N, C-alpha and C. Protein backbone atom coordinates (compact mmCIF):
# COMPACT_ATOMS: atom_id res chain seq x y z
N UNK A 1 14.25 -14.62 31.56
CA UNK A 1 14.64 -15.50 30.49
C UNK A 1 13.87 -15.12 29.24
N UNK A 2 14.56 -15.07 28.10
CA UNK A 2 13.94 -14.70 26.83
C UNK A 2 13.07 -15.81 26.27
N UNK A 3 12.23 -15.44 25.35
CA UNK A 3 11.37 -16.41 24.70
C UNK A 3 12.14 -17.15 23.62
N UNK A 4 11.77 -18.39 23.40
CA UNK A 4 12.41 -19.17 22.35
C UNK A 4 11.93 -18.68 21.00
N UNK A 5 12.72 -18.98 19.97
CA UNK A 5 12.34 -18.62 18.61
C UNK A 5 10.98 -19.21 18.26
N UNK A 6 10.73 -20.46 18.64
CA UNK A 6 9.48 -21.12 18.32
C UNK A 6 8.29 -20.40 18.95
N UNK A 7 8.46 -19.92 20.19
CA UNK A 7 7.38 -19.20 20.86
C UNK A 7 7.12 -17.87 20.16
N UNK A 8 8.18 -17.14 19.86
CA UNK A 8 8.03 -15.87 19.15
C UNK A 8 7.42 -16.11 17.78
N UNK A 9 7.87 -17.14 17.07
CA UNK A 9 7.34 -17.45 15.75
C UNK A 9 5.86 -17.78 15.82
N UNK A 10 5.45 -18.55 16.82
CA UNK A 10 4.03 -18.91 16.93
C UNK A 10 3.18 -17.68 17.25
N UNK A 11 3.71 -16.78 18.09
CA UNK A 11 3.00 -15.54 18.40
C UNK A 11 2.86 -14.70 17.13
N UNK A 12 3.95 -14.53 16.40
CA UNK A 12 3.91 -13.76 15.16
C UNK A 12 2.95 -14.38 14.15
N UNK A 13 2.97 -15.69 14.06
CA UNK A 13 2.09 -16.39 13.12
C UNK A 13 0.63 -16.12 13.48
N UNK A 14 0.29 -16.16 14.75
CA UNK A 14 -1.07 -15.88 15.18
C UNK A 14 -1.46 -14.44 14.87
N UNK A 15 -0.55 -13.51 15.13
CA UNK A 15 -0.82 -12.10 14.85
C UNK A 15 -1.03 -11.86 13.36
N UNK A 16 -0.23 -12.51 12.54
CA UNK A 16 -0.28 -12.29 11.10
C UNK A 16 -1.33 -13.15 10.40
N UNK A 17 -2.20 -13.79 11.14
CA UNK A 17 -3.26 -14.55 10.52
C UNK A 17 -2.79 -15.84 9.87
N UNK A 18 -1.79 -16.50 10.46
CA UNK A 18 -1.35 -17.79 9.95
C UNK A 18 -0.14 -17.74 9.05
N UNK A 19 0.39 -16.56 8.78
CA UNK A 19 1.58 -16.47 7.94
C UNK A 19 2.70 -15.79 8.69
N UNK A 20 3.89 -16.11 8.34
CA UNK A 20 5.05 -15.46 8.93
C UNK A 20 5.62 -14.47 7.92
N UNK A 21 5.86 -13.26 8.35
CA UNK A 21 6.47 -12.31 7.43
C UNK A 21 7.91 -12.71 7.13
N UNK A 22 8.28 -12.57 5.87
CA UNK A 22 9.70 -12.73 5.58
C UNK A 22 10.35 -11.40 5.92
N UNK A 23 11.58 -11.28 5.80
CA UNK A 23 12.20 -10.04 6.19
C UNK A 23 13.67 -10.12 5.92
N UNK A 24 14.52 -9.42 6.55
CA UNK A 24 14.20 -8.57 7.68
C UNK A 24 13.67 -7.22 7.21
N UNK A 25 12.69 -6.72 7.92
CA UNK A 25 12.12 -5.42 7.59
C UNK A 25 12.84 -4.35 8.40
N UNK A 26 12.93 -3.17 7.84
CA UNK A 26 13.45 -2.03 8.58
C UNK A 26 12.47 -1.67 9.69
N UNK A 27 12.95 -1.02 10.71
CA UNK A 27 12.09 -0.58 11.81
C UNK A 27 11.22 0.59 11.34
N UNK A 28 10.15 0.81 12.08
CA UNK A 28 9.28 1.95 11.77
C UNK A 28 10.07 3.25 11.85
N UNK A 29 10.93 3.36 12.84
CA UNK A 29 11.75 4.55 13.00
C UNK A 29 12.66 4.75 11.78
N UNK A 30 13.31 3.68 11.32
CA UNK A 30 14.19 3.77 10.15
C UNK A 30 13.42 4.16 8.90
N UNK A 31 12.17 3.70 8.80
CA UNK A 31 11.34 4.01 7.64
C UNK A 31 10.71 5.40 7.73
N UNK A 32 10.73 5.99 8.92
CA UNK A 32 10.11 7.30 9.12
C UNK A 32 8.60 7.24 9.19
N UNK A 33 8.06 6.09 9.65
CA UNK A 33 6.62 5.91 9.74
C UNK A 33 6.25 5.48 11.16
N UNK A 34 4.97 5.44 11.42
CA UNK A 34 4.47 4.99 12.72
C UNK A 34 4.52 3.46 12.80
N UNK A 35 4.70 2.91 14.00
CA UNK A 35 4.72 1.45 14.14
C UNK A 35 3.47 0.76 13.60
N UNK A 36 2.29 1.38 13.78
CA UNK A 36 1.06 0.76 13.26
C UNK A 36 1.06 0.74 11.73
N UNK A 37 1.69 1.71 11.10
CA UNK A 37 1.76 1.71 9.64
C UNK A 37 2.65 0.56 9.16
N UNK A 38 3.78 0.38 9.83
CA UNK A 38 4.69 -0.71 9.48
C UNK A 38 3.99 -2.06 9.64
N UNK A 39 3.32 -2.25 10.77
CA UNK A 39 2.58 -3.49 11.01
C UNK A 39 1.51 -3.70 9.95
N UNK A 40 0.80 -2.63 9.61
CA UNK A 40 -0.23 -2.72 8.58
C UNK A 40 0.34 -3.07 7.21
N UNK A 41 1.49 -2.53 6.87
CA UNK A 41 2.13 -2.85 5.59
C UNK A 41 2.59 -4.30 5.55
N UNK A 42 3.16 -4.79 6.65
CA UNK A 42 3.59 -6.19 6.70
C UNK A 42 2.38 -7.10 6.51
N UNK A 43 1.31 -6.79 7.20
CA UNK A 43 0.09 -7.60 7.07
C UNK A 43 -0.48 -7.53 5.65
N UNK A 44 -0.53 -6.34 5.10
CA UNK A 44 -1.06 -6.16 3.73
C UNK A 44 -0.22 -6.96 2.74
N UNK A 45 1.09 -6.89 2.86
CA UNK A 45 1.96 -7.63 1.96
C UNK A 45 1.69 -9.12 2.05
N UNK A 46 1.59 -9.64 3.26
CA UNK A 46 1.33 -11.08 3.43
C UNK A 46 -0.01 -11.47 2.83
N UNK A 47 -1.02 -10.62 3.00
CA UNK A 47 -2.34 -10.91 2.44
C UNK A 47 -2.29 -10.89 0.90
N UNK A 48 -1.53 -9.98 0.34
CA UNK A 48 -1.38 -9.94 -1.12
C UNK A 48 -0.64 -11.18 -1.62
N UNK A 49 0.45 -11.54 -0.95
CA UNK A 49 1.23 -12.71 -1.34
C UNK A 49 0.40 -13.98 -1.24
N UNK A 50 -0.46 -14.05 -0.23
CA UNK A 50 -1.31 -15.23 -0.03
C UNK A 50 -2.60 -15.18 -0.85
N UNK A 51 -2.71 -14.23 -1.75
CA UNK A 51 -3.85 -14.08 -2.68
C UNK A 51 -5.18 -13.92 -1.96
N UNK A 52 -5.17 -13.32 -0.78
CA UNK A 52 -6.41 -13.10 -0.06
C UNK A 52 -7.32 -12.08 -0.74
N UNK A 53 -6.74 -11.24 -1.58
CA UNK A 53 -7.55 -10.24 -2.28
C UNK A 53 -8.07 -10.76 -3.61
N UNK A 54 -7.68 -11.96 -3.99
CA UNK A 54 -8.16 -12.57 -5.23
C UNK A 54 -9.45 -13.35 -5.01
N UNK A 55 -9.87 -13.48 -3.76
CA UNK A 55 -10.98 -14.36 -3.43
C UNK A 55 -12.33 -13.66 -3.43
N UNK A 56 -12.35 -12.37 -3.67
CA UNK A 56 -13.61 -11.64 -3.66
C UNK A 56 -14.10 -11.38 -2.25
N UNK A 57 -15.37 -11.21 -2.12
CA UNK A 57 -15.94 -10.93 -0.80
C UNK A 57 -15.67 -9.50 -0.39
N UNK A 58 -15.35 -9.31 0.88
CA UNK A 58 -15.16 -7.95 1.38
C UNK A 58 -13.75 -7.43 1.17
N UNK A 59 -12.88 -8.25 0.59
CA UNK A 59 -11.51 -7.80 0.32
C UNK A 59 -11.35 -7.53 -1.16
N UNK A 60 -10.94 -6.33 -1.46
CA UNK A 60 -10.75 -5.93 -2.84
C UNK A 60 -9.42 -5.18 -2.93
N UNK A 61 -8.68 -5.42 -3.98
CA UNK A 61 -7.46 -4.65 -4.20
C UNK A 61 -7.56 -3.97 -5.55
N UNK A 62 -7.41 -2.66 -5.55
CA UNK A 62 -7.39 -1.87 -6.77
C UNK A 62 -6.75 -0.53 -6.44
N UNK A 63 -5.51 -0.33 -6.89
CA UNK A 63 -4.79 0.91 -6.59
C UNK A 63 -5.48 2.14 -7.17
N UNK A 64 -6.39 1.96 -8.13
CA UNK A 64 -7.07 3.09 -8.74
C UNK A 64 -8.40 3.43 -8.09
N UNK A 65 -8.80 2.72 -7.07
CA UNK A 65 -10.07 2.96 -6.41
C UNK A 65 -9.91 3.98 -5.31
N UNK A 66 -10.83 4.93 -5.27
CA UNK A 66 -10.82 5.92 -4.20
C UNK A 66 -11.85 5.54 -3.15
N UNK A 67 -11.90 6.31 -2.12
CA UNK A 67 -12.87 6.05 -1.06
C UNK A 67 -14.28 6.49 -1.43
N UNK A 68 -14.42 7.30 -2.46
CA UNK A 68 -15.73 7.87 -2.73
C UNK A 68 -16.36 7.42 -4.05
N UNK A 69 -15.63 6.75 -4.89
CA UNK A 69 -16.24 6.29 -6.12
C UNK A 69 -15.54 5.04 -6.62
N UNK A 70 -16.06 4.50 -7.70
CA UNK A 70 -15.55 3.24 -8.23
C UNK A 70 -14.75 3.51 -9.49
N UNK A 71 -13.44 3.27 -9.44
CA UNK A 71 -12.57 3.44 -10.59
C UNK A 71 -12.15 2.12 -11.19
N UNK A 72 -12.53 1.05 -10.56
CA UNK A 72 -12.05 -0.25 -11.04
C UNK A 72 -12.90 -1.37 -10.51
N UNK A 73 -12.25 -2.39 -9.98
CA UNK A 73 -12.92 -3.60 -9.59
C UNK A 73 -13.50 -3.61 -8.20
N UNK A 74 -13.41 -2.53 -7.45
CA UNK A 74 -13.93 -2.52 -6.09
C UNK A 74 -15.28 -1.82 -6.04
N UNK A 75 -16.09 -2.21 -5.07
CA UNK A 75 -17.41 -1.61 -4.93
C UNK A 75 -17.32 -0.15 -4.52
N UNK A 76 -18.39 0.57 -4.79
CA UNK A 76 -18.47 1.98 -4.43
C UNK A 76 -18.26 2.15 -2.92
N UNK A 77 -17.61 3.21 -2.55
CA UNK A 77 -17.33 3.57 -1.16
C UNK A 77 -16.42 2.56 -0.45
N UNK A 78 -15.57 1.90 -1.20
CA UNK A 78 -14.59 0.99 -0.63
C UNK A 78 -13.23 1.40 -1.18
N UNK A 79 -12.25 1.40 -0.35
CA UNK A 79 -10.91 1.71 -0.83
C UNK A 79 -10.15 0.42 -1.02
N UNK A 80 -9.63 0.21 -2.20
CA UNK A 80 -8.90 -1.00 -2.49
C UNK A 80 -7.40 -0.81 -2.59
N UNK A 81 -6.89 0.38 -2.32
CA UNK A 81 -5.46 0.63 -2.48
C UNK A 81 -4.68 0.25 -1.23
N UNK A 82 -3.37 0.28 -1.33
CA UNK A 82 -2.51 -0.09 -0.21
C UNK A 82 -2.80 0.78 1.01
N UNK A 83 -2.72 2.08 0.84
CA UNK A 83 -2.95 2.99 1.97
C UNK A 83 -4.35 2.88 2.53
N UNK A 84 -5.33 2.63 1.67
CA UNK A 84 -6.70 2.48 2.12
C UNK A 84 -6.87 1.30 3.05
N UNK A 85 -6.28 0.17 2.67
CA UNK A 85 -6.38 -1.01 3.52
C UNK A 85 -5.62 -0.82 4.84
N UNK A 86 -4.45 -0.20 4.79
CA UNK A 86 -3.70 0.07 6.02
C UNK A 86 -4.53 0.99 6.92
N UNK A 87 -5.12 2.02 6.34
CA UNK A 87 -5.95 2.96 7.11
C UNK A 87 -7.22 2.32 7.64
N UNK A 88 -7.91 1.54 6.82
CA UNK A 88 -9.13 0.89 7.27
C UNK A 88 -8.86 -0.06 8.43
N UNK A 89 -7.75 -0.79 8.36
CA UNK A 89 -7.40 -1.70 9.46
C UNK A 89 -7.10 -0.93 10.74
N UNK A 90 -6.38 0.18 10.62
CA UNK A 90 -6.01 0.96 11.80
C UNK A 90 -7.20 1.69 12.41
N UNK A 91 -8.05 2.23 11.57
CA UNK A 91 -9.18 3.04 12.04
C UNK A 91 -10.47 2.22 12.15
N UNK A 92 -10.33 0.93 12.36
CA UNK A 92 -11.47 0.04 12.61
C UNK A 92 -12.57 0.14 11.55
N UNK A 93 -12.17 0.23 10.30
CA UNK A 93 -13.13 0.23 9.20
C UNK A 93 -13.76 1.57 8.89
N UNK A 94 -13.34 2.64 9.57
CA UNK A 94 -13.91 3.96 9.31
C UNK A 94 -13.40 4.49 7.97
N UNK A 95 -14.30 4.57 7.00
CA UNK A 95 -13.92 5.04 5.67
C UNK A 95 -13.48 6.50 5.73
N UNK A 96 -14.17 7.33 6.49
CA UNK A 96 -13.80 8.75 6.52
C UNK A 96 -12.41 8.95 7.12
N UNK A 97 -12.08 8.22 8.19
CA UNK A 97 -10.75 8.35 8.78
C UNK A 97 -9.67 7.78 7.86
N UNK A 98 -9.97 6.63 7.26
CA UNK A 98 -9.00 6.03 6.34
C UNK A 98 -8.79 6.92 5.12
N UNK A 99 -9.86 7.53 4.62
CA UNK A 99 -9.76 8.44 3.47
C UNK A 99 -8.88 9.64 3.81
N UNK A 100 -9.08 10.20 4.98
CA UNK A 100 -8.25 11.32 5.40
C UNK A 100 -6.79 10.93 5.51
N UNK A 101 -6.54 9.73 6.03
CA UNK A 101 -5.17 9.23 6.15
C UNK A 101 -4.52 9.08 4.78
N UNK A 102 -5.22 8.47 3.83
CA UNK A 102 -4.66 8.27 2.49
C UNK A 102 -4.49 9.61 1.78
N UNK A 103 -5.50 10.46 1.86
CA UNK A 103 -5.46 11.74 1.14
C UNK A 103 -4.30 12.63 1.57
N UNK A 104 -3.93 12.57 2.84
CA UNK A 104 -2.83 13.44 3.29
C UNK A 104 -1.51 13.06 2.62
N UNK A 105 -1.40 11.85 2.07
CA UNK A 105 -0.19 11.41 1.38
C UNK A 105 -0.23 11.72 -0.12
N UNK A 106 -1.36 12.20 -0.62
CA UNK A 106 -1.52 12.47 -2.04
C UNK A 106 -0.89 13.78 -2.46
N UNK A 107 -0.96 14.08 -3.75
CA UNK A 107 -0.32 15.29 -4.28
C UNK A 107 -0.89 16.58 -3.71
N UNK A 108 -2.05 16.51 -3.15
CA UNK A 108 -2.72 17.66 -2.56
C UNK A 108 -2.61 17.67 -1.04
N UNK A 109 -2.02 16.65 -0.45
CA UNK A 109 -2.04 16.45 0.98
C UNK A 109 -0.91 17.11 1.74
N UNK A 110 -1.10 17.19 3.04
CA UNK A 110 -0.12 17.81 3.92
C UNK A 110 1.15 16.96 4.06
N UNK A 111 1.05 15.65 3.83
CA UNK A 111 2.21 14.77 3.94
C UNK A 111 2.66 14.23 2.59
N UNK A 112 2.52 15.04 1.54
CA UNK A 112 2.85 14.55 0.20
C UNK A 112 4.32 14.22 0.02
N UNK A 113 5.16 14.68 0.92
CA UNK A 113 6.58 14.33 0.87
C UNK A 113 6.95 13.29 1.93
N UNK A 114 5.96 12.78 2.65
CA UNK A 114 6.21 11.78 3.69
C UNK A 114 6.67 10.47 3.04
N UNK A 115 7.36 9.63 3.79
CA UNK A 115 7.90 8.38 3.24
C UNK A 115 6.87 7.50 2.53
N UNK A 116 5.63 7.44 3.04
CA UNK A 116 4.62 6.57 2.44
C UNK A 116 3.97 7.16 1.19
N UNK A 117 4.18 8.42 0.93
CA UNK A 117 3.57 9.05 -0.23
C UNK A 117 3.92 8.34 -1.54
N UNK A 118 5.18 8.00 -1.70
CA UNK A 118 5.61 7.32 -2.92
C UNK A 118 5.07 5.92 -3.07
N UNK A 119 4.77 5.26 -1.96
CA UNK A 119 4.17 3.93 -2.00
C UNK A 119 2.68 4.02 -2.31
N UNK A 120 1.99 4.94 -1.67
CA UNK A 120 0.55 5.08 -1.84
C UNK A 120 0.17 5.76 -3.15
N UNK A 121 1.02 6.64 -3.65
CA UNK A 121 0.76 7.38 -4.88
C UNK A 121 1.98 7.29 -5.80
N UNK A 122 2.11 6.20 -6.55
CA UNK A 122 3.29 6.02 -7.41
C UNK A 122 3.47 7.17 -8.40
N UNK A 123 4.74 7.50 -8.59
CA UNK A 123 5.11 8.56 -9.55
C UNK A 123 6.24 8.06 -10.44
N UNK A 124 6.39 8.71 -11.58
CA UNK A 124 7.50 8.40 -12.46
C UNK A 124 8.78 8.98 -11.88
N UNK A 125 9.93 8.64 -12.48
CA UNK A 125 11.21 9.16 -11.98
C UNK A 125 11.26 10.69 -11.98
N UNK A 126 10.55 11.31 -12.92
CA UNK A 126 10.57 12.78 -12.96
C UNK A 126 9.41 13.40 -12.18
N UNK A 127 8.73 12.60 -11.35
CA UNK A 127 7.72 13.12 -10.47
C UNK A 127 6.32 13.19 -11.03
N UNK A 128 6.10 12.67 -12.24
CA UNK A 128 4.76 12.73 -12.82
C UNK A 128 3.85 11.67 -12.21
N UNK A 129 2.59 11.99 -12.18
CA UNK A 129 1.57 11.11 -11.62
C UNK A 129 1.30 9.91 -12.52
N UNK A 130 0.89 8.82 -11.90
CA UNK A 130 0.40 7.65 -12.63
C UNK A 130 -1.06 7.39 -12.24
N UNK A 131 -1.76 8.41 -11.77
CA UNK A 131 -3.10 8.23 -11.21
C UNK A 131 -4.07 7.52 -12.14
N UNK A 132 -4.07 7.82 -13.42
CA UNK A 132 -5.05 7.23 -14.33
C UNK A 132 -4.79 5.77 -14.65
N UNK A 133 -3.62 5.27 -14.37
CA UNK A 133 -3.29 3.88 -14.67
C UNK A 133 -3.17 2.98 -13.45
N UNK A 134 -3.41 3.50 -12.29
CA UNK A 134 -3.17 2.72 -11.08
C UNK A 134 -4.09 1.51 -10.95
N UNK A 135 -5.26 1.54 -11.57
CA UNK A 135 -6.15 0.39 -11.48
C UNK A 135 -5.56 -0.86 -12.15
N UNK A 136 -4.49 -0.69 -12.91
CA UNK A 136 -3.85 -1.81 -13.60
C UNK A 136 -2.72 -2.45 -12.79
N UNK A 137 -2.40 -1.90 -11.63
CA UNK A 137 -1.37 -2.47 -10.77
C UNK A 137 -1.90 -3.80 -10.21
N UNK A 138 -1.12 -4.86 -10.32
CA UNK A 138 -1.54 -6.17 -9.84
C UNK A 138 -1.21 -6.36 -8.36
N UNK A 139 -1.80 -7.37 -7.76
CA UNK A 139 -1.50 -7.68 -6.36
C UNK A 139 -0.03 -8.06 -6.20
N UNK A 140 0.53 -8.76 -7.18
CA UNK A 140 1.94 -9.15 -7.11
C UNK A 140 2.85 -7.92 -7.15
N UNK A 141 2.53 -6.96 -8.01
CA UNK A 141 3.33 -5.74 -8.10
C UNK A 141 3.23 -4.92 -6.82
N UNK A 142 2.03 -4.85 -6.25
CA UNK A 142 1.84 -4.12 -5.00
C UNK A 142 2.61 -4.78 -3.86
N UNK A 143 2.57 -6.11 -3.79
CA UNK A 143 3.32 -6.83 -2.75
C UNK A 143 4.82 -6.56 -2.88
N UNK A 144 5.31 -6.54 -4.12
CA UNK A 144 6.73 -6.27 -4.34
C UNK A 144 7.09 -4.84 -3.92
N UNK A 145 6.23 -3.88 -4.22
CA UNK A 145 6.48 -2.49 -3.83
C UNK A 145 6.50 -2.34 -2.30
N UNK A 146 5.58 -3.03 -1.63
CA UNK A 146 5.56 -2.98 -0.16
C UNK A 146 6.83 -3.61 0.39
N UNK A 147 7.22 -4.76 -0.15
CA UNK A 147 8.44 -5.42 0.30
C UNK A 147 9.66 -4.52 0.09
N UNK A 148 9.73 -3.88 -1.07
CA UNK A 148 10.83 -2.94 -1.32
C UNK A 148 10.84 -1.83 -0.28
N UNK A 149 9.67 -1.25 -0.02
CA UNK A 149 9.59 -0.17 0.95
C UNK A 149 10.05 -0.64 2.33
N UNK A 150 9.59 -1.81 2.75
CA UNK A 150 9.93 -2.32 4.08
C UNK A 150 11.41 -2.70 4.22
N UNK A 151 12.06 -3.04 3.11
CA UNK A 151 13.46 -3.48 3.19
C UNK A 151 14.46 -2.37 2.87
N UNK A 152 14.10 -1.44 1.99
CA UNK A 152 15.06 -0.39 1.61
C UNK A 152 14.51 1.03 1.78
N UNK A 153 13.22 1.16 2.13
CA UNK A 153 12.65 2.47 2.36
C UNK A 153 12.09 3.17 1.14
N UNK A 154 12.06 2.49 0.00
CA UNK A 154 11.49 3.05 -1.22
C UNK A 154 10.76 1.94 -1.98
N UNK A 155 9.59 2.25 -2.58
CA UNK A 155 8.80 1.20 -3.22
C UNK A 155 9.38 0.66 -4.53
N UNK A 156 10.12 1.48 -5.26
CA UNK A 156 10.69 1.01 -6.51
C UNK A 156 9.67 0.72 -7.61
N UNK A 157 8.59 1.48 -7.62
CA UNK A 157 7.53 1.26 -8.61
C UNK A 157 8.06 1.25 -10.04
N UNK A 158 8.99 2.13 -10.36
CA UNK A 158 9.46 2.24 -11.74
C UNK A 158 10.20 0.99 -12.20
N UNK A 159 10.75 0.23 -11.27
CA UNK A 159 11.40 -1.04 -11.62
C UNK A 159 10.41 -2.18 -11.68
N UNK A 160 9.25 -2.02 -11.09
CA UNK A 160 8.25 -3.08 -11.00
C UNK A 160 7.24 -3.02 -12.14
N UNK A 161 6.76 -1.82 -12.43
CA UNK A 161 5.65 -1.67 -13.37
C UNK A 161 6.09 -1.70 -14.83
N UNK A 162 5.26 -2.28 -15.70
CA UNK A 162 5.57 -2.23 -17.14
C UNK A 162 5.43 -0.81 -17.67
N UNK A 163 6.07 -0.52 -18.77
CA UNK A 163 6.12 0.85 -19.29
C UNK A 163 4.75 1.42 -19.62
N UNK A 164 3.78 0.60 -20.02
CA UNK A 164 2.47 1.15 -20.38
C UNK A 164 1.68 1.61 -19.15
N UNK A 165 2.07 1.21 -17.97
CA UNK A 165 1.43 1.71 -16.76
C UNK A 165 2.15 2.96 -16.27
N UNK A 166 3.45 3.02 -16.49
CA UNK A 166 4.25 4.14 -15.98
C UNK A 166 3.86 5.48 -16.57
N UNK A 167 3.42 5.51 -17.82
CA UNK A 167 3.09 6.78 -18.45
C UNK A 167 1.60 7.01 -18.39
N UNK A 168 1.20 8.09 -17.77
CA UNK A 168 -0.20 8.45 -17.58
C UNK A 168 -0.60 9.42 -18.68
N UNK A 169 -1.08 8.89 -19.81
CA UNK A 169 -1.38 9.77 -20.95
C UNK A 169 -2.86 10.10 -21.09
N UNK A 170 -3.69 9.71 -20.13
CA UNK A 170 -5.11 9.99 -20.24
C UNK A 170 -5.45 11.43 -19.91
N UNK A 171 -4.63 12.08 -19.10
CA UNK A 171 -4.93 13.44 -18.68
C UNK A 171 -3.61 14.16 -18.43
N UNK A 172 -3.25 15.06 -19.30
CA UNK A 172 -1.97 15.75 -19.19
C UNK A 172 -1.83 16.54 -17.89
N UNK A 173 -2.95 16.96 -17.31
CA UNK A 173 -2.87 17.72 -16.06
C UNK A 173 -2.26 16.89 -14.93
N UNK A 174 -2.50 15.57 -14.95
CA UNK A 174 -1.96 14.71 -13.90
C UNK A 174 -0.49 14.43 -14.08
N UNK A 175 0.09 14.81 -15.23
CA UNK A 175 1.49 14.50 -15.49
C UNK A 175 2.44 15.53 -14.92
N UNK A 176 1.89 16.61 -14.42
CA UNK A 176 2.77 17.62 -13.84
C UNK A 176 3.49 17.04 -12.63
N UNK A 177 4.68 17.50 -12.40
CA UNK A 177 5.41 17.06 -11.22
C UNK A 177 4.68 17.53 -9.97
N UNK A 178 4.70 16.72 -8.95
CA UNK A 178 4.02 17.08 -7.70
C UNK A 178 4.86 18.02 -6.95
């Protein structure tokens, strides 16, 4: 006999830390990602929507923060980006493993064309980097990009971000197409 909706909902609520994901989300297979990545993205989105990263403490969100230095509002040696949090959760807080996971999706990485690359490293429509402006991405914009990715398979950053974030004019070298 199958489980009732209420039982499944209560299990999901417990797993998600008290929140229920809205959806429907595409499957990990449909998205071309691992099941743990999908679960991590759903959790990250819910945490962003519930403003858990606005409360300070050990949770920080900053798309411009790397694992090795401070580019924005996060402490040194902490990753505040979407991929960083997904990686840190999966690799039990290991910064080196999470950094390797995020880096492989970057413009220099082995998986730079993987489905999550566009979510973790936003680009303009013509493929130019937005690296120098990522620290200005808000939690609401990140949650919307994750939701877009989970529902249609693409983050839709160019529809979400204001024009002054889309153009990376601080360093022309970063504007080259990946």
